[in-house]
């Protein structure tokens, strides 16, 4: 029992399946204490809401004024210094967004994918960007300052500052700073 309790308290994960700690997210006082203890960095006025999943909590850096809404998944390879998710100040995330900084390798057809290791690359969401509902941000991608990712998009390449992208895979729809 003690071993299981230590696992739940100290394993670098937040999520509904971590039942003894997940309830801490439902109450603001315990949520603020818990997220500061569990995360790599979390800024002022930022919150992790219930029903989100974060794998590799110490590799997630969250700026000021960011809400991680329900259904969001932040996934990286715990303990790998190259697998970090950076979410800068004032980023808006819709529900059910998935952001990754690691993924499985799959080049060797003679091995099961789960035995081939991982490909890691830091992922960054620059300040003021908005990620629409159900979007997926893949490893190594940078979303530019004040850019918009349309709902249900899969982003596999960097997005320039002040740009709207959408689709699967996401493509530039328009610039929002007036330039062409």
Protein backbone atom coordinates (compact mmCIF):
# COMPACT_ATOMS: atom_id res chain seq x y z
CA UNK A 1 0.00 0.00 0.00
CA UNK A 2 2.79 2.46 0.93
CA UNK A 3 4.67 1.59 -2.26
CA UNK A 4 1.55 2.26 -4.35
CA UNK A 5 0.94 5.58 -2.56
CA UNK A 6 4.55 6.70 -3.21
CA UNK A 7 4.16 5.77 -6.88
CA UNK A 8 1.03 7.89 -7.25
CA UNK A 9 2.49 10.87 -5.37
CA UNK A 10 5.92 10.91 -7.00
CA UNK A 11 5.49 9.43 -10.50
CA UNK A 12 5.83 12.25 -13.07
CA UNK A 13 2.21 12.07 -14.24
CA UNK A 14 -1.08 13.84 -13.66
CA UNK A 15 -4.33 12.32 -14.86
CA UNK A 16 -7.68 10.81 -13.99
CA UNK A 17 -6.07 7.37 -13.67
CA UNK A 18 -3.90 8.71 -10.83
CA UNK A 19 -6.98 8.64 -8.63
CA UNK A 20 -5.47 9.53 -5.25
CA UNK A 21 -3.94 12.73 -6.57
CA UNK A 22 -6.42 13.65 -9.30
CA UNK A 23 -8.98 14.83 -6.76
CA UNK A 24 -6.50 17.53 -5.66
CA UNK A 25 -7.21 19.32 -8.97
CA UNK A 26 -10.88 19.83 -8.05
CA UNK A 27 -10.15 22.30 -5.23
CA UNK A 28 -8.32 25.53 -5.98
CA UNK A 29 -6.15 25.58 -2.84
CA UNK A 30 -4.95 21.99 -3.26
CA UNK A 31 -4.67 22.44 -7.06
CA UNK A 32 -2.24 25.36 -6.69
CA UNK A 33 -0.12 23.47 -4.13
CA UNK A 34 -0.11 20.23 -6.13
CA UNK A 35 0.70 21.72 -9.54
CA UNK A 36 3.63 23.75 -8.18
CA UNK A 37 5.02 20.61 -6.54
CA UNK A 38 4.51 18.34 -9.55
CA UNK A 39 5.38 20.51 -12.61
CA UNK A 40 8.74 21.62 -14.02
CA UNK A 41 7.48 25.22 -14.01
CA UNK A 42 4.06 26.79 -13.76
CA UNK A 43 3.58 30.56 -13.91
CA UNK A 44 1.33 33.01 -12.11
CA UNK A 45 -2.43 32.67 -12.74
CA UNK A 46 -1.91 29.35 -14.54
CA UNK A 47 -3.93 26.26 -13.72
CA UNK A 48 -4.18 22.60 -14.56
CA UNK A 49 -7.84 21.61 -14.58
CA UNK A 50 -9.28 18.19 -13.72
CA UNK A 51 -9.51 15.51 -16.42
CA UNK A 52 -6.34 16.45 -18.25
CA UNK A 53 -3.37 14.10 -18.59
CA UNK A 54 0.26 15.17 -18.31
CA UNK A 55 3.00 12.58 -18.73
CA UNK A 56 6.48 13.70 -17.72
CA UNK A 57 5.36 16.57 -15.51
CA UNK A 58 8.88 17.84 -14.75
CA UNK A 59 9.47 18.30 -18.52
CA UNK A 60 6.53 20.69 -18.91
CA UNK A 61 7.18 24.44 -18.56
CA UNK A 62 4.06 26.61 -18.39
CA UNK A 63 4.15 30.42 -18.44
CA UNK A 64 1.77 32.94 -16.89
CA UNK A 65 -1.99 33.10 -17.52
CA UNK A 66 -2.36 29.63 -19.08
CA UNK A 67 -5.22 27.25 -18.34
CA UNK A 68 -4.73 23.55 -19.18
CA UNK A 69 -8.39 22.58 -19.80
CA UNK A 70 -10.14 19.26 -19.39
CA UNK A 71 -9.30 16.58 -21.93
CA UNK A 72 -5.89 18.07 -22.73
CA UNK A 73 -2.95 15.68 -23.09
CA UNK A 74 0.65 16.83 -22.71
CA UNK A 75 3.01 13.95 -23.43
CA UNK A 76 6.77 13.73 -23.30
CA UNK A 77 9.42 11.21 -22.33
CA UNK A 78 9.92 11.62 -18.57
CA UNK A 79 13.52 12.28 -17.60
CA UNK A 80 14.74 12.96 -21.16
CA UNK A 81 16.26 16.46 -21.29
CA UNK A 82 15.43 16.77 -25.01
CA UNK A 83 11.75 16.03 -24.55
CA UNK A 84 10.31 19.26 -23.15
CA UNK A 85 7.04 21.07 -23.76
CA UNK A 86 7.24 24.86 -23.41
CA UNK A 87 3.96 26.77 -23.16
CA UNK A 88 4.70 30.50 -22.96
CA UNK A 89 2.56 33.27 -21.42
CA UNK A 90 -1.09 33.89 -22.39
CA UNK A 91 -1.51 30.77 -24.54
CA UNK A 92 -5.12 29.65 -25.12
CA UNK A 93 -5.81 25.92 -25.36
CA UNK A 94 -9.15 24.47 -26.37
CA UNK A 95 -10.37 21.26 -24.75
CA UNK A 96 -9.00 17.91 -25.94
CA UNK A 97 -5.79 19.36 -27.35
CA UNK A 98 -2.83 16.94 -27.52
CA UNK A 99 0.74 18.26 -27.42
CA UNK A 100 3.70 15.89 -27.69
CA UNK A 101 7.48 16.15 -27.50
CA UNK A 102 8.16 12.44 -28.00
CA UNK A 103 6.89 9.70 -30.26
CA UNK A 104 7.71 6.07 -30.99
CA UNK A 105 10.28 5.10 -33.62
CA UNK A 106 8.94 2.73 -36.27
CA UNK A 107 11.66 2.29 -38.93
CA UNK A 108 12.57 -1.38 -38.23
CA UNK A 109 9.85 -3.59 -39.71
CA UNK A 110 11.32 -6.64 -37.92
CA UNK A 111 10.72 -5.24 -34.41
CA UNK A 112 7.53 -4.37 -32.58
CA UNK A 113 7.12 -0.59 -32.47
CA UNK A 114 7.05 -0.57 -28.66
CA UNK A 115 10.63 -2.01 -28.66
CA UNK A 116 12.16 0.56 -31.04
CA UNK A 117 12.67 3.44 -28.64
CA UNK A 118 11.61 7.03 -28.99
CA UNK A 119 12.17 10.09 -31.11
CA UNK A 120 12.22 13.24 -28.97
CA UNK A 121 12.22 16.95 -29.83
CA UNK A 122 11.12 19.95 -27.77
CA UNK A 123 7.78 21.50 -28.61
CA UNK A 124 7.08 25.20 -28.03
CA UNK A 125 3.90 27.25 -28.00
CA UNK A 126 4.92 30.92 -28.15
CA UNK A 127 3.10 33.63 -26.23
CA UNK A 128 -0.42 34.56 -27.18
CA UNK A 129 -1.10 31.66 -29.56
CA UNK A 130 -4.45 29.88 -29.65
CA UNK A 131 -4.80 26.13 -30.19
CA UNK A 132 -8.32 25.10 -31.25
CA UNK A 133 -10.31 22.19 -29.86
CA UNK A 134 -9.15 18.64 -30.72
CA UNK A 135 -5.89 19.79 -32.33
CA UNK A 136 -2.68 17.75 -32.18
CA UNK A 137 0.79 19.32 -31.99
CA UNK A 138 3.56 16.85 -32.86
CA UNK A 139 7.12 16.71 -31.45
CA UNK A 140 9.61 19.39 -32.51
CA UNK A 141 6.99 21.90 -33.63
CA UNK A 142 7.02 25.58 -32.67
CA UNK A 143 3.74 27.50 -32.84
CA UNK A 144 4.49 31.19 -33.49
CA UNK A 145 3.58 34.20 -31.40
CA UNK A 146 -0.13 35.14 -31.59
CA UNK A 147 -0.78 32.40 -34.16
CA UNK A 148 -3.98 30.38 -34.44
CA UNK A 149 -4.31 26.63 -34.99
CA UNK A 150 -7.82 25.86 -36.26
CA UNK A 151 -9.93 23.19 -34.56
CA UNK A 152 -9.22 19.55 -35.44
CA UNK A 153 -5.80 20.31 -36.97
CA UNK A 154 -2.66 18.17 -36.90
CA UNK A 155 0.45 20.34 -36.82
CA UNK A 156 3.65 18.61 -37.97
CA UNK A 157 5.69 21.68 -39.04
CA UNK A 158 6.58 25.00 -37.43
CA UNK A 159 3.96 27.76 -37.62
CA UNK A 160 5.30 31.32 -38.19
CA UNK A 161 4.31 34.20 -35.91
CA UNK A 162 0.93 35.86 -36.64
CA UNK A 163 -0.37 33.03 -38.85
CA UNK A 164 -3.57 30.99 -39.03
CA UNK A 165 -3.13 27.31 -39.90
CA UNK A 166 -5.60 24.48 -40.22
CA UNK A 167 -6.17 21.01 -41.59
CA UNK A 168 -4.55 17.61 -41.49
CA UNK A 169 -1.70 18.18 -41.92
CA UNK A 170 -2.02 21.87 -41.03
CA UNK A 171 -1.32 24.36 -43.80
CA UNK A 172 -1.14 28.15 -43.72
CA UNK A 173 -4.57 29.71 -44.25
CA UNK A 174 -3.61 33.37 -43.84
CA UNK A 175 -1.32 35.83 -42.10
CA UNK A 176 -2.90 38.00 -39.42
CA UNK A 177 -0.31 40.78 -39.25
CA UNK A 178 -1.24 42.29 -42.63
CA UNK A 179 1.79 40.95 -44.51
CA UNK A 180 1.56 38.60 -47.49
